[in-house]
């Protein structure tokens, strides 16, 4: 998952949202690979002041987490209070066998 958000207050976001989501990630085997307020754009446009890359065990786990009842209150908090826009996408893992 790749996320680019416009976070209103980074400390508030970290305390009220990210800390709780990290607990959820630990339980489902997801891993934050990168998280930064200082992404360096080398081509094109990148909107937001917070970028996160998360590795899930599978696309099914990612989708289940995103749609899970236990995540919905945090998702609504992020969307309605902690950010003023952003983008989140799921991307399938790269399969090296395409070169075989």
PDB file of N, CA and C in Angstrom:
ATOM      1  N   UNK A   1       0.849  -1.165   0.000  1.00  0.00           N
ATOM      2  CA  UNK A   1       0.000   0.000   0.000  1.00  0.00           C
ATOM      3  C   UNK A   1       0.893   1.225   0.000  1.00  0.00           C
ATOM      4  N   UNK A   2       0.547   2.189  -0.815  1.00  0.00           N
ATOM      5  CA  UNK A   2       1.241   3.471  -0.857  1.00  0.00           C
ATOM      6  C   UNK A   2       0.214   4.542  -0.515  1.00  0.00           C
ATOM      7  N   UNK A   3       0.578   5.406   0.426  1.00  0.00           N
ATOM      8  CA  UNK A   3      -0.340   6.442   0.902  1.00  0.00           C
ATOM      9  C   UNK A   3       0.361   7.798   0.836  1.00  0.00           C
ATOM     10  N   UNK A   4      -0.327   8.782   0.305  1.00  0.00           N
ATOM     11  CA  UNK A   4       0.136  10.174   0.330  1.00  0.00           C
ATOM     12  C   UNK A   4      -0.995  10.993   0.937  1.00  0.00           C
ATOM     13  N   UNK A   5      -0.736  11.597   2.088  1.00  0.00           N
ATOM     14  CA  UNK A   5      -1.770  12.327   2.818  1.00  0.00           C
ATOM     15  C   UNK A   5      -1.364  13.766   3.065  1.00  0.00           C
ATOM     16  N   UNK A   6      -2.351  14.612   3.229  1.00  0.00           N
ATOM     17  CA  UNK A   6      -2.141  15.978   3.695  1.00  0.00           C
ATOM     18  C   UNK A   6      -2.578  15.988   5.159  1.00  0.00           C
ATOM     19  N   UNK A   7      -1.617  15.767   6.041  1.00  0.00           N
ATOM     20  CA  UNK A   7      -1.877  15.671   7.478  1.00  0.00           C
ATOM     21  C   UNK A   7      -1.947  17.075   8.072  1.00  0.00           C
ATOM     22  N   UNK A   8      -2.973  17.332   8.871  1.00  0.00           N
ATOM     23  CA  UNK A   8      -3.153  18.653   9.485  1.00  0.00           C
ATOM     24  C   UNK A   8      -2.130  18.914  10.587  1.00  0.00           C
ATOM     25  N   UNK A   9      -1.946  17.953  11.479  1.00  0.00           N
ATOM     26  CA  UNK A   9      -1.021  18.088  12.604  1.00  0.00           C
ATOM     27  C   UNK A   9      -0.334  16.734  12.781  1.00  0.00           C
ATOM     28  N   UNK A  10       0.946  16.668  12.446  1.00  0.00           N
ATOM     29  CA  UNK A  10       1.649  15.386  12.451  1.00  0.00           C
ATOM     30  C   UNK A  10       1.625  14.700  13.820  1.00  0.00           C
ATOM     31  N   UNK A  11       1.839  15.421  14.883  1.00  0.00           N
ATOM     32  CA  UNK A  11       1.854  14.791  16.209  1.00  0.00           C
ATOM     33  C   UNK A  11       0.483  14.234  16.579  1.00  0.00           C
ATOM     34  N   UNK A  12      -0.551  14.984  16.282  1.00  0.00           N
ATOM     35  CA  UNK A  12      -1.919  14.520  16.526  1.00  0.00           C
ATOM     36  C   UNK A  12      -2.211  13.272  15.707  1.00  0.00           C
ATOM     37  N   UNK A  13      -1.809  13.277  14.442  1.00  0.00           N
ATOM     38  CA  UNK A  13      -1.987  12.125  13.553  1.00  0.00           C
ATOM     39  C   UNK A  13      -1.255  10.898  14.113  1.00  0.00           C
ATOM     40  N   UNK A  14      -0.021  11.086  14.530  1.00  0.00           N
ATOM     41  CA  UNK A  14       0.763   9.969  15.062  1.00  0.00           C
ATOM     42  C   UNK A  14       0.145   9.407  16.335  1.00  0.00           C
ATOM     43  N   UNK A  15      -0.282  10.276  17.223  1.00  0.00           N
ATOM     44  CA  UNK A  15      -0.842   9.839  18.507  1.00  0.00           C
ATOM     45  C   UNK A  15      -2.212   9.192  18.370  1.00  0.00           C
ATOM     46  N   UNK A  16      -3.081   9.809  17.596  1.00  0.00           N
ATOM     47  CA  UNK A  16      -4.476   9.364  17.554  1.00  0.00           C
ATOM     48  C   UNK A  16      -4.754   8.300  16.498  1.00  0.00           C
ATOM     49  N   UNK A  17      -3.919   8.232  15.471  1.00  0.00           N
ATOM     50  CA  UNK A  17      -4.179   7.302  14.372  1.00  0.00           C
ATOM     51  C   UNK A  17      -3.044   6.295  14.188  1.00  0.00           C
ATOM     52  N   UNK A  18      -1.862   6.780  13.883  1.00  0.00           N
ATOM     53  CA  UNK A  18      -0.770   5.893  13.483  1.00  0.00           C
ATOM     54  C   UNK A  18      -0.413   4.870  14.560  1.00  0.00           C
ATOM     55  N   UNK A  19      -0.360   5.282  15.802  1.00  0.00           N
ATOM     56  CA  UNK A  19       0.002   4.348  16.878  1.00  0.00           C
ATOM     57  C   UNK A  19      -0.982   3.183  16.940  1.00  0.00           C
ATOM     58  N   UNK A  20      -2.247   3.457  16.756  1.00  0.00           N
ATOM     59  CA  UNK A  20      -3.271   2.407  16.802  1.00  0.00           C
ATOM     60  C   UNK A  20      -3.235   1.529  15.554  1.00  0.00           C
ATOM     61  N   UNK A  21      -2.981   2.133  14.408  1.00  0.00           N
ATOM     62  CA  UNK A  21      -2.884   1.356  13.176  1.00  0.00           C
ATOM     63  C   UNK A  21      -1.659   0.448  13.222  1.00  0.00           C
ATOM     64  N   UNK A  22      -0.567   0.924  13.783  1.00  0.00           N
ATOM     65  CA  UNK A  22       0.629   0.080  13.904  1.00  0.00           C
ATOM     66  C   UNK A  22       0.340  -1.164  14.738  1.00  0.00           C
ATOM     67  N   UNK A  23      -0.465  -1.032  15.774  1.00  0.00           N
ATOM     68  CA  UNK A  23      -0.866  -2.199  16.574  1.00  0.00           C
ATOM     69  C   UNK A  23      -1.655  -3.181  15.712  1.00  0.00           C
ATOM     70  N   UNK A  24      -2.544  -2.660  14.880  1.00  0.00           N
ATOM     71  CA  UNK A  24      -3.316  -3.518  13.984  1.00  0.00           C
ATOM     72  C   UNK A  24      -2.391  -4.215  12.986  1.00  0.00           C
ATOM     73  N   UNK A  25      -1.438  -3.468  12.432  1.00  0.00           N
ATOM     74  CA  UNK A  25      -0.503  -4.045  11.475  1.00  0.00           C
ATOM     75  C   UNK A  25       0.285  -5.191  12.099  1.00  0.00           C
ATOM     76  N   UNK A  26       0.721  -4.996  13.324  1.00  0.00           N
ATOM     77  CA  UNK A  26       1.490  -6.040  14.004  1.00  0.00           C
ATOM     78  C   UNK A  26       0.678  -7.332  14.107  1.00  0.00           C
ATOM     79  N   UNK A  27      -0.592  -7.203  14.406  1.00  0.00           N
ATOM     80  CA  UNK A  27      -1.457  -8.380  14.566  1.00  0.00           C
ATOM     81  C   UNK A  27      -1.699  -9.117  13.254  1.00  0.00           C
ATOM     82  N   UNK A  28      -1.676  -8.411  12.128  1.00  0.00           N
ATOM     83  CA  UNK A  28      -1.971  -9.058  10.843  1.00  0.00           C
ATOM     84  C   UNK A  28      -0.717  -9.333  10.017  1.00  0.00           C
ATOM     85  N   UNK A  29       0.454  -8.996  10.550  1.00  0.00           N
ATOM     86  CA  UNK A  29       1.698  -9.272   9.839  1.00  0.00           C
ATOM     87  C   UNK A  29       2.075  -8.255   8.783  1.00  0.00           C
ATOM     88  N   UNK A  30       1.515  -7.045   8.870  1.00  0.00           N
ATOM     89  CA  UNK A  30       1.882  -5.977   7.933  1.00  0.00           C
ATOM     90  C   UNK A  30       3.084  -5.220   8.489  1.00  0.00           C
ATOM     91  N   UNK A  31       3.864  -4.634   7.590  1.00  0.00           N
ATOM     92  CA  UNK A  31       5.093  -3.951   7.984  1.00  0.00           C
ATOM     93  C   UNK A  31       5.192  -2.598   7.284  1.00  0.00           C
ATOM     94  N   UNK A  32       5.454  -1.554   8.051  1.00  0.00           N
ATOM     95  CA  UNK A  32       5.675  -0.229   7.466  1.00  0.00           C
ATOM     96  C   UNK A  32       7.115  -0.199   6.949  1.00  0.00           C
ATOM     97  N   UNK A  33       7.265  -0.028   5.644  1.00  0.00           N
ATOM     98  CA  UNK A  33       8.584   0.012   5.030  1.00  0.00           C
ATOM     99  C   UNK A  33       9.162   1.417   4.988  1.00  0.00           C
ATOM    100  N   UNK A  34       8.285   2.412   4.889  1.00  0.00           N
ATOM    101  CA  UNK A  34       8.728   3.808   4.860  1.00  0.00           C
ATOM    102  C   UNK A  34       7.592   4.685   5.356  1.00  0.00           C
ATOM    103  N   UNK A  35       7.963   5.743   6.051  1.00  0.00           N
ATOM    104  CA  UNK A  35       6.999   6.758   6.497  1.00  0.00           C
ATOM    105  C   UNK A  35       7.777   8.047   6.690  1.00  0.00           C
ATOM    106  N   UNK A  36       7.344   9.099   5.998  1.00  0.00           N
ATOM    107  CA  UNK A  36       8.120  10.333   6.042  1.00  0.00           C
ATOM    108  C   UNK A  36       7.283  11.550   5.692  1.00  0.00           C
ATOM    109  N   UNK A  37       7.607  12.636   6.351  1.00  0.00           N
ATOM    110  CA  UNK A  37       7.022  13.925   5.996  1.00  0.00           C
ATOM    111  C   UNK A  37       7.881  14.616   4.940  1.00  0.00           C
ATOM    112  N   UNK A  38       8.986  13.996   4.574  1.00  0.00           N
ATOM    113  CA  UNK A  38       9.944  14.643   3.678  1.00  0.00           C
ATOM    114  C   UNK A  38      10.253  13.790   2.446  1.00  0.00           C
ATOM    115  N   UNK A  39       9.221  13.342   1.743  1.00  0.00           N
ATOM    116  CA  UNK A  39       9.456  12.601   0.504  1.00  0.00           C
ATOM    117  C   UNK A  39      10.091  13.534  -0.518  1.00  0.00           C
ATOM    118  N   UNK A  40      11.020  13.015  -1.288  1.00  0.00           N
ATOM    119  CA  UNK A  40      11.698  13.807  -2.312  1.00  0.00           C
ATOM    120  C   UNK A  40      11.116  13.469  -3.673  1.00  0.00           C
ATOM    121  N   UNK A  41      10.483  14.427  -4.284  1.00  0.00           N
ATOM    122  CA  UNK A  41       9.891  14.233  -5.607  1.00  0.00           C
ATOM    123  C   UNK A  41      10.990  14.436  -6.644  1.00  0.00           C
ATOM    124  N   UNK A  42      11.206  13.422  -7.477  1.00  0.00           N
ATOM    125  CA  UNK A  42      12.224  13.534  -8.519  1.00  0.00           C
ATOM    126  C   UNK A  42      11.607  13.651  -9.912  1.00  0.00           C
ATOM    127  N   UNK A  43      10.335  13.294 -10.047  1.00  0.00           N
ATOM    128  CA  UNK A  43       9.596  13.469 -11.300  1.00  0.00           C
ATOM    129  C   UNK A  43       8.129  13.672 -10.989  1.00  0.00           C
ATOM    130  N   UNK A  44       7.475  14.483 -11.771  1.00  0.00           N
ATOM    131  CA  UNK A  44       6.035  14.670 -11.630  1.00  0.00           C
ATOM    132  C   UNK A  44       5.641  15.392 -10.363  1.00  0.00           C
ATOM    133  N   UNK A  45       4.391  15.174  -9.957  1.00  0.00           N
ATOM    134  CA  UNK A  45       3.845  15.818  -8.765  1.00  0.00           C
ATOM    135  C   UNK A  45       3.516  14.777  -7.717  1.00  0.00           C
ATOM    136  N   UNK A  46       3.713  15.131  -6.475  1.00  0.00           N
ATOM    137  CA  UNK A  46       3.346  14.273  -5.347  1.00  0.00           C
ATOM    138  C   UNK A  46       2.657  15.163  -4.344  1.00  0.00           C
ATOM    139  N   UNK A  47       1.390  14.906  -4.120  1.00  0.00           N
ATOM    140  CA  UNK A  47       0.630  15.745  -3.200  1.00  0.00           C
ATOM    141  C   UNK A  47       0.651  15.141  -1.812  1.00  0.00           C
ATOM    142  N   UNK A  48       0.758  15.996  -0.840  1.00  0.00           N
ATOM    143  CA  UNK A  48       0.702  15.551   0.544  1.00  0.00           C
ATOM    144  C   UNK A  48       1.974  15.879   1.292  1.00  0.00           C
ATOM    145  N   UNK A  49       1.865  15.823   2.613  1.00  0.00           N
ATOM    146  CA  UNK A  49       3.013  16.088   3.473  1.00  0.00           C
ATOM    147  C   UNK A  49       3.335  14.875   4.347  1.00  0.00           C
ATOM    148  N   UNK A  50       2.782  13.715   3.982  1.00  0.00           N
ATOM    149  CA  UNK A  50       3.068  12.480   4.718  1.00  0.00           C
ATOM    150  C   UNK A  50       2.913  11.321   3.743  1.00  0.00           C
ATOM    151  N   UNK A  51       3.985  10.555   3.586  1.00  0.00           N
ATOM    152  CA  UNK A  51       3.993   9.413   2.676  1.00  0.00           C
ATOM    153  C   UNK A  51       4.308   8.154   3.456  1.00  0.00           C
ATOM    154  N   UNK A  52       3.548   7.086   3.177  1.00  0.00           N
ATOM    155  CA  UNK A  52       3.744   5.810   3.871  1.00  0.00           C
ATOM    156  C   UNK A  52       3.708   4.679   2.853  1.00  0.00           C
ATOM    157  N   UNK A  53       4.600   3.707   3.031  1.00  0.00           N
ATOM    158  CA  UNK A  53       4.581   2.485   2.235  1.00  0.00           C
ATOM    159  C   UNK A  53       4.471   1.318   3.212  1.00  0.00           C
ATOM    160  N   UNK A  54       3.446   0.480   3.010  1.00  0.00           N
ATOM    161  CA  UNK A  54       3.179  -0.647   3.897  1.00  0.00           C
ATOM    162  C   UNK A  54       3.196  -1.934   3.080  1.00  0.00           C
ATOM    163  N   UNK A  55       3.873  -2.938   3.625  1.00  0.00           N
ATOM    164  CA  UNK A  55       3.894  -4.267   3.007  1.00  0.00           C
ATOM    165  C   UNK A  55       2.965  -5.186   3.793  1.00  0.00           C
ATOM    166  N   UNK A  56       1.985  -5.750   3.103  1.00  0.00           N
ATOM    167  CA  UNK A  56       1.055  -6.698   3.705  1.00  0.00           C
ATOM    168  C   UNK A  56       1.452  -8.110   3.276  1.00  0.00           C
ATOM    169  N   UNK A  57       1.083  -9.104   4.059  1.00  0.00           N
ATOM    170  CA  UNK A  57       1.399 -10.486   3.678  1.00  0.00           C
ATOM    171  C   UNK A  57       0.781 -10.887   2.339  1.00  0.00           C
ATOM    172  N   UNK A  58      -0.349 -10.287   1.986  1.00  0.00           N
ATOM    173  CA  UNK A  58      -1.017 -10.581   0.716  1.00  0.00           C
ATOM    174  C   UNK A  58      -2.012  -9.468   0.427  1.00  0.00           C
ATOM    175  N   UNK A  59      -2.491  -9.432  -0.808  1.00  0.00           N
ATOM    176  CA  UNK A  59      -3.521  -8.470  -1.179  1.00  0.00           C
ATOM    177  C   UNK A  59      -4.802  -8.757  -0.401  1.00  0.00           C
ATOM    178  N   UNK A  60      -5.074 -10.038  -0.168  1.00  0.00           N
ATOM    179  CA  UNK A  60      -6.284 -10.410   0.581  1.00  0.00           C
ATOM    180  C   UNK A  60      -6.228  -9.853   1.997  1.00  0.00           C
ATOM    181  N   UNK A  61      -5.074  -9.944   2.657  1.00  0.00           N
ATOM    182  CA  UNK A  61      -4.926  -9.409   4.020  1.00  0.00           C
ATOM    183  C   UNK A  61      -5.093  -7.898   4.000  1.00  0.00           C
ATOM    184  N   UNK A  62      -4.517  -7.231   3.022  1.00  0.00           N
ATOM    185  CA  UNK A  62      -4.628  -5.774   2.917  1.00  0.00           C
ATOM    186  C   UNK A  62      -6.085  -5.358   2.765  1.00  0.00           C
ATOM    187  N   UNK A  63      -6.788  -6.017   1.880  1.00  0.00           N
ATOM    188  CA  UNK A  63      -8.195  -5.693   1.632  1.00  0.00           C
ATOM    189  C   UNK A  63      -9.052  -5.986   2.850  1.00  0.00           C
ATOM    190  N   UNK A  64      -8.801  -7.113   3.498  1.00  0.00           N
ATOM    191  CA  UNK A  64      -9.559  -7.459   4.705  1.00  0.00           C
ATOM    192  C   UNK A  64      -9.342  -6.421   5.794  1.00  0.00           C
ATOM    193  N   UNK A  65      -8.087  -5.999   5.992  1.00  0.00           N
ATOM    194  CA  UNK A  65      -7.800  -4.983   7.014  1.00  0.00           C
ATOM    195  C   UNK A  65      -8.530  -3.682   6.678  1.00  0.00           C
ATOM    196  N   UNK A  66      -8.411  -3.220   5.429  1.00  0.00           N
ATOM    197  CA  UNK A  66      -9.000  -1.936   5.040  1.00  0.00           C
ATOM    198  C   UNK A  66     -10.515  -1.922   5.225  1.00  0.00           C
ATOM    199  N   UNK A  67     -11.147  -3.065   5.027  1.00  0.00           N
ATOM    200  CA  UNK A  67     -12.605  -3.162   5.142  1.00  0.00           C
ATOM    201  C   UNK A  67     -13.078  -3.671   6.497  1.00  0.00           C
ATOM    202  N   UNK A  68     -12.157  -4.008   7.391  1.00  0.00           N
ATOM    203  CA  UNK A  68     -12.512  -4.589   8.690  1.00  0.00           C
ATOM    204  C   UNK A  68     -13.259  -3.583   9.567  1.00  0.00           C
ATOM    205  N   UNK A  69     -14.230  -4.086  10.306  1.00  0.00           N
ATOM    206  CA  UNK A  69     -15.017  -3.237  11.214  1.00  0.00           C
ATOM    207  C   UNK A  69     -14.117  -2.548  12.233  1.00  0.00           C
ATOM    208  N   UNK A  70     -13.073  -3.216  12.703  1.00  0.00           N
ATOM    209  CA  UNK A  70     -12.198  -2.615  13.715  1.00  0.00           C
ATOM    210  C   UNK A  70     -11.355  -1.466  13.174  1.00  0.00           C
ATOM    211  N   UNK A  71     -11.154  -1.403  11.850  1.00  0.00           N
ATOM    212  CA  UNK A  71     -10.389  -0.298  11.271  1.00  0.00           C
ATOM    213  C   UNK A  71     -11.266   0.907  10.931  1.00  0.00           C
ATOM    214  N   UNK A  72     -12.544   0.711  10.699  1.00  0.00           N
ATOM    215  CA  UNK A  72     -13.417   1.785  10.207  1.00  0.00           C
ATOM    216  C   UNK A  72     -13.418   3.044  11.078  1.00  0.00           C
ATOM    217  N   UNK A  73     -13.468   2.941  12.423  1.00  0.00           N
ATOM    218  CA  UNK A  73     -13.424   4.173  13.226  1.00  0.00           C
ATOM    219  C   UNK A  73     -12.125   4.960  13.026  1.00  0.00           C
ATOM    220  N   UNK A  74     -11.010   4.258  12.857  1.00  0.00           N
ATOM    221  CA  UNK A  74      -9.739   4.946  12.618  1.00  0.00           C
ATOM    222  C   UNK A  74      -9.706   5.561  11.221  1.00  0.00           C
ATOM    223  N   UNK A  75     -10.249   4.859  10.259  1.00  0.00           N
ATOM    224  CA  UNK A  75     -10.298   5.399   8.901  1.00  0.00           C
ATOM    225  C   UNK A  75     -11.133   6.679   8.883  1.00  0.00           C
ATOM    226  N   UNK A  76     -12.275   6.662   9.540  1.00  0.00           N
ATOM    227  CA  UNK A  76     -13.122   7.852   9.587  1.00  0.00           C
ATOM    228  C   UNK A  76     -12.439   9.001  10.332  1.00  0.00           C
ATOM    229  N   UNK A  77     -11.724   8.686  11.395  1.00  0.00           N
ATOM    230  CA  UNK A  77     -10.959   9.703  12.127  1.00  0.00           C
ATOM    231  C   UNK A  77      -9.921  10.339  11.209  1.00  0.00           C
ATOM    232  N   UNK A  78      -9.185   9.502  10.468  1.00  0.00           N
ATOM    233  CA  UNK A  78      -8.165  10.006   9.551  1.00  0.00           C
ATOM    234  C   UNK A  78      -8.802  10.895   8.495  1.00  0.00           C
ATOM    235  N   UNK A  79      -9.855  10.431   7.877  1.00  0.00           N
ATOM    236  CA  UNK A  79     -10.480  11.163   6.777  1.00  0.00           C
ATOM    237  C   UNK A  79     -11.165  12.443   7.263  1.00  0.00           C
ATOM    238  N   UNK A  80     -11.892  12.364   8.366  1.00  0.00           N
ATOM    239  CA  UNK A  80     -12.741  13.476   8.790  1.00  0.00           C
ATOM    240  C   UNK A  80     -12.070  14.492   9.717  1.00  0.00           C
ATOM    241  N   UNK A  81     -11.008  14.099  10.409  1.00  0.00           N
ATOM    242  CA  UNK A  81     -10.405  15.014  11.375  1.00  0.00           C
ATOM    243  C   UNK A  81      -8.915  15.268  11.187  1.00  0.00           C
ATOM    244  N   UNK A  82      -8.167  14.247  10.820  1.00  0.00           N
ATOM    245  CA  UNK A  82      -6.710  14.343  10.886  1.00  0.00           C
ATOM    246  C   UNK A  82      -6.038  14.742   9.576  1.00  0.00           C
ATOM    247  N   UNK A  83      -6.758  14.612   8.467  1.00  0.00           N
ATOM    248  CA  UNK A  83      -6.182  14.967   7.177  1.00  0.00           C
ATOM    249  C   UNK A  83      -7.155  15.838   6.392  1.00  0.00           C
ATOM    250  N   UNK A  84      -6.620  16.487   5.383  1.00  0.00           N
ATOM    251  CA  UNK A  84      -7.489  17.258   4.488  1.00  0.00           C
ATOM    252  C   UNK A  84      -7.238  16.796   3.059  1.00  0.00           C
ATOM    253  N   UNK A  85      -7.284  15.497   2.890  1.00  0.00           N
ATOM    254  CA  UNK A  85      -7.139  14.910   1.568  1.00  0.00           C
ATOM    255  C   UNK A  85      -5.970  13.950   1.498  1.00  0.00           C
ATOM    256  N   UNK A  86      -5.971  13.190   0.446  1.00  0.00           N
ATOM    257  CA  UNK A  86      -4.889  12.248   0.229  1.00  0.00           C
ATOM    258  C   UNK A  86      -5.294  11.132  -0.702  1.00  0.00           C
ATOM    259  N   UNK A  87      -4.353  10.232  -0.915  1.00  0.00           N
ATOM    260  CA  UNK A  87      -4.549   9.100  -1.802  1.00  0.00           C
ATOM    261  C   UNK A  87      -3.956   7.865  -1.153  1.00  0.00           C
ATOM    262  N   UNK A  88      -4.669   6.749  -1.251  1.00  0.00           N
ATOM    263  CA  UNK A  88      -4.161   5.464  -0.787  1.00  0.00           C
ATOM    264  C   UNK A  88      -4.404   4.449  -1.893  1.00  0.00           C
ATOM    265  N   UNK A  89      -3.376   3.674  -2.237  1.00  0.00           N
ATOM    266  CA  UNK A  89      -3.519   2.664  -3.275  1.00  0.00           C
ATOM    267  C   UNK A  89      -2.916   1.349  -2.808  1.00  0.00           C
ATOM    268  N   UNK A  90      -3.512   0.255  -3.268  1.00  0.00           N
ATOM    269  CA  UNK A  90      -2.932  -1.066  -3.080  1.00  0.00           C
ATOM    270  C   UNK A  90      -2.246  -1.437  -4.390  1.00  0.00           C
ATOM    271  N   UNK A  91      -1.046  -1.984  -4.285  1.00  0.00           N
ATOM    272  CA  UNK A  91      -0.273  -2.396  -5.443  1.00  0.00           C
ATOM    273  C   UNK A  91       0.171  -3.838  -5.225  1.00  0.00           C
ATOM    274  N   UNK A  92      -0.069  -4.697  -6.206  1.00  0.00           N
ATOM    275  CA  UNK A  92       0.374  -6.089  -6.102  1.00  0.00           C
ATOM    276  C   UNK A  92       1.903  -6.148  -6.042  1.00  0.00           C
ATOM    277  N   UNK A  93       2.413  -7.139  -5.344  1.00  0.00           N
ATOM    278  CA  UNK A  93       3.854  -7.358  -5.287  1.00  0.00           C
ATOM    279  C   UNK A  93       4.366  -7.671  -6.687  1.00  0.00           C
ATOM    280  N   UNK A  94       5.595  -7.308  -6.942  1.00  0.00           N
ATOM    281  CA  UNK A  94       6.206  -7.569  -8.245  1.00  0.00           C
ATOM    282  C   UNK A  94       6.626  -9.028  -8.320  1.00  0.00           C
ATOM    283  N   UNK A  95       6.307  -9.665  -9.423  1.00  0.00           N
ATOM    284  CA  UNK A  95       6.627 -11.066  -9.637  1.00  0.00           C
ATOM    285  C   UNK A  95       7.800 -11.150 -10.605  1.00  0.00           C
ATOM    286  N   UNK A  96       8.977 -11.538 -10.100  1.00  0.00           N
ATOM    287  CA  UNK A  96      10.187 -11.621 -10.920  1.00  0.00           C
ATOM    288  C   UNK A  96      10.073 -12.654 -12.036  1.00  0.00           C
ATOM    289  N   UNK A  97       9.115 -13.587 -11.927  1.00  0.00           N
ATOM    290  CA  UNK A  97       9.000 -14.630 -12.946  1.00  0.00           C
ATOM    291  C   UNK A  97       8.590 -14.064 -14.308  1.00  0.00           C
ATOM    292  N   UNK A  98       8.156 -12.807 -14.347  1.00  0.00           N
ATOM    293  CA  UNK A  98       7.809 -12.224 -15.640  1.00  0.00           C
ATOM    294  C   UNK A  98       9.036 -12.126 -16.556  1.00  0.00           C
ATOM    295  N   UNK A  99      10.239 -12.198 -15.970  1.00  0.00           N
ATOM    296  CA  UNK A  99      11.463 -12.122 -16.752  1.00  0.00           C
ATOM    297  C   UNK A  99      12.010 -13.492 -17.127  1.00  0.00           C
ATOM    298  N   UNK A 100      11.339 -14.559 -16.701  1.00  0.00           N
ATOM    299  CA  UNK A 100      11.844 -15.909 -17.009  1.00  0.00           C
ATOM    300  C   UNK A 100      11.311 -16.399 -18.326  1.00  0.00           C
TER     301      UNK A 100
END
